[in-house]
Amino acid sequence: MIKFLHTRIRVSDLEKSIDWYCKNCGFTVLKRNDKSPSGNQIVHLELHGNAHNLEL
């Protein structure tokens, strides 16, 4: 069985995007990774009651 764990969206302003998704869509920050292998910051957002995460 195939299932999706997260969706990644590339954004130009990480903090502004986190704020928008949390305020307008009800997401909360699940975890932050400031040192990914590619050198980018990654933030995982979760929506309560949903196993699928949003990665910015």
N, C-alpha and C. Protein backbone atom coordinates (compact mmCIF):
# COMPACT_ATOMS: atom_id res chain seq x y z
N MET A 1 0.84 -1.18 0.00
CA MET A 1 0.00 0.00 0.00
C MET A 1 0.89 1.25 0.00
N ILE A 2 0.59 2.17 -0.86
CA ILE A 2 1.33 3.43 -0.94
C ILE A 2 0.56 4.49 -0.16
N LYS A 3 1.30 5.28 0.64
CA LYS A 3 0.65 6.40 1.31
C LYS A 3 1.61 7.58 1.35
N PHE A 4 1.05 8.78 1.30
CA PHE A 4 1.84 9.99 1.34
C PHE A 4 2.09 10.40 2.79
N LEU A 5 3.31 10.82 3.09
CA LEU A 5 3.65 11.24 4.44
C LEU A 5 3.70 12.75 4.57
N HIS A 6 4.14 13.42 3.50
CA HIS A 6 4.19 14.88 3.55
C HIS A 6 4.19 15.46 2.13
N THR A 7 3.87 16.72 2.05
CA THR A 7 3.95 17.48 0.80
C THR A 7 4.94 18.61 1.02
N ARG A 8 5.85 18.79 0.08
CA ARG A 8 6.86 19.86 0.21
C ARG A 8 6.48 21.02 -0.71
N ILE A 9 6.56 22.22 -0.14
CA ILE A 9 6.34 23.44 -0.91
C ILE A 9 7.55 24.33 -0.70
N ARG A 10 8.19 24.73 -1.79
CA ARG A 10 9.33 25.65 -1.70
C ARG A 10 8.79 27.07 -1.59
N VAL A 11 9.32 27.81 -0.64
CA VAL A 11 8.84 29.18 -0.41
C VAL A 11 10.04 30.13 -0.39
N SER A 12 9.78 31.39 -0.71
CA SER A 12 10.86 32.38 -0.72
C SER A 12 11.06 33.03 0.64
N ASP A 13 10.02 33.06 1.46
CA ASP A 13 10.11 33.65 2.81
C ASP A 13 9.54 32.64 3.80
N LEU A 14 10.43 31.89 4.44
CA LEU A 14 10.01 30.79 5.32
C LEU A 14 9.16 31.28 6.49
N GLU A 15 9.62 32.29 7.20
CA GLU A 15 8.88 32.76 8.38
C GLU A 15 7.51 33.31 8.02
N LYS A 16 7.43 34.04 6.92
CA LYS A 16 6.14 34.58 6.46
C LYS A 16 5.19 33.44 6.07
N SER A 17 5.72 32.41 5.44
CA SER A 17 4.90 31.27 5.04
C SER A 17 4.42 30.47 6.24
N ILE A 18 5.29 30.26 7.23
CA ILE A 18 4.88 29.57 8.46
C ILE A 18 3.73 30.32 9.10
N ASP A 19 3.89 31.63 9.23
CA ASP A 19 2.86 32.47 9.83
C ASP A 19 1.54 32.35 9.08
N TRP A 20 1.60 32.39 7.75
CA TRP A 20 0.38 32.33 6.94
C TRP A 20 -0.33 30.98 7.11
N TYR A 21 0.40 29.87 6.99
CA TYR A 21 -0.23 28.55 7.11
C TYR A 21 -0.79 28.30 8.51
N CYS A 22 -0.12 28.81 9.53
CA CYS A 22 -0.61 28.63 10.90
C CYS A 22 -1.85 29.49 11.16
N LYS A 23 -1.83 30.74 10.75
CA LYS A 23 -2.96 31.64 11.01
C LYS A 23 -4.17 31.35 10.13
N ASN A 24 -3.95 31.04 8.86
CA ASN A 24 -5.06 30.90 7.92
C ASN A 24 -5.56 29.48 7.72
N CYS A 25 -4.73 28.50 8.00
CA CYS A 25 -5.12 27.11 7.73
C CYS A 25 -5.14 26.23 8.97
N GLY A 26 -4.70 26.76 10.10
CA GLY A 26 -4.75 26.00 11.35
C GLY A 26 -3.60 25.05 11.58
N PHE A 27 -2.51 25.16 10.81
CA PHE A 27 -1.35 24.31 11.01
C PHE A 27 -0.58 24.74 12.26
N THR A 28 0.19 23.82 12.83
CA THR A 28 1.13 24.12 13.90
C THR A 28 2.50 23.56 13.50
N VAL A 29 3.55 24.14 14.04
CA VAL A 29 4.90 23.68 13.73
C VAL A 29 5.16 22.37 14.45
N LEU A 30 5.48 21.35 13.69
CA LEU A 30 5.80 20.03 14.25
C LEU A 30 7.29 19.95 14.59
N LYS A 31 8.14 20.34 13.64
CA LYS A 31 9.58 20.36 13.90
C LYS A 31 10.28 21.27 12.89
N ARG A 32 11.44 21.76 13.30
CA ARG A 32 12.29 22.61 12.46
C ARG A 32 13.63 21.93 12.28
N ASN A 33 14.15 22.00 11.08
CA ASN A 33 15.49 21.48 10.79
C ASN A 33 16.26 22.60 10.12
N ASP A 34 17.15 23.24 10.86
CA ASP A 34 17.89 24.38 10.32
C ASP A 34 19.12 23.96 9.52
N LYS A 35 19.44 22.67 9.53
CA LYS A 35 20.62 22.21 8.79
C LYS A 35 20.29 20.94 8.02
N SER A 36 19.57 21.08 6.92
CA SER A 36 19.27 19.93 6.09
C SER A 36 20.51 19.56 5.27
N PRO A 37 20.56 18.36 4.69
CA PRO A 37 21.73 17.97 3.88
C PRO A 37 22.01 18.94 2.73
N SER A 38 20.98 19.58 2.20
CA SER A 38 21.17 20.52 1.09
C SER A 38 21.50 21.93 1.56
N GLY A 39 21.51 22.14 2.88
CA GLY A 39 21.83 23.45 3.43
C GLY A 39 20.64 24.37 3.60
N ASN A 40 19.45 23.86 3.33
CA ASN A 40 18.23 24.66 3.46
C ASN A 40 17.59 24.46 4.82
N GLN A 41 16.81 25.44 5.23
CA GLN A 41 15.98 25.28 6.43
C GLN A 41 14.71 24.54 6.01
N ILE A 42 14.27 23.62 6.85
CA ILE A 42 13.04 22.87 6.58
C ILE A 42 12.17 22.92 7.82
N VAL A 43 10.88 23.17 7.62
CA VAL A 43 9.92 23.19 8.71
C VAL A 43 8.78 22.26 8.35
N HIS A 44 8.43 21.38 9.28
CA HIS A 44 7.29 20.48 9.09
C HIS A 44 6.11 21.06 9.87
N LEU A 45 4.98 21.22 9.18
CA LEU A 45 3.75 21.70 9.81
C LEU A 45 2.76 20.57 9.85
N GLU A 46 1.95 20.53 10.90
CA GLU A 46 0.92 19.49 11.00
C GLU A 46 -0.43 20.13 11.21
N LEU A 47 -1.44 19.43 10.75
CA LEU A 47 -2.82 19.83 10.95
C LEU A 47 -3.42 18.81 11.89
N HIS A 48 -3.92 19.26 13.03
CA HIS A 48 -4.43 18.36 14.07
C HIS A 48 -5.38 17.32 13.48
N GLY A 49 -5.13 16.06 13.81
CA GLY A 49 -5.98 14.97 13.37
C GLY A 49 -5.66 14.45 11.98
N ASN A 50 -4.58 14.94 11.38
CA ASN A 50 -4.21 14.53 10.03
C ASN A 50 -2.78 14.02 10.06
N ALA A 51 -2.55 12.82 9.54
CA ALA A 51 -1.21 12.22 9.56
C ALA A 51 -0.30 12.79 8.47
N HIS A 52 -0.86 13.50 7.51
CA HIS A 52 -0.10 14.08 6.40
C HIS A 52 0.46 15.44 6.82
N ASN A 53 1.77 15.64 6.68
CA ASN A 53 2.42 16.89 7.08
C ASN A 53 2.74 17.75 5.87
N LEU A 54 2.86 19.04 6.12
CA LEU A 54 3.27 20.00 5.10
C LEU A 54 4.70 20.42 5.41
N GLU A 55 5.57 20.31 4.43
CA GLU A 55 6.98 20.67 4.61
C GLU A 55 7.28 21.92 3.81
N LEU A 56 7.78 22.93 4.50
CA LEU A 56 8.17 24.18 3.84
C LEU A 56 9.68 24.29 3.87
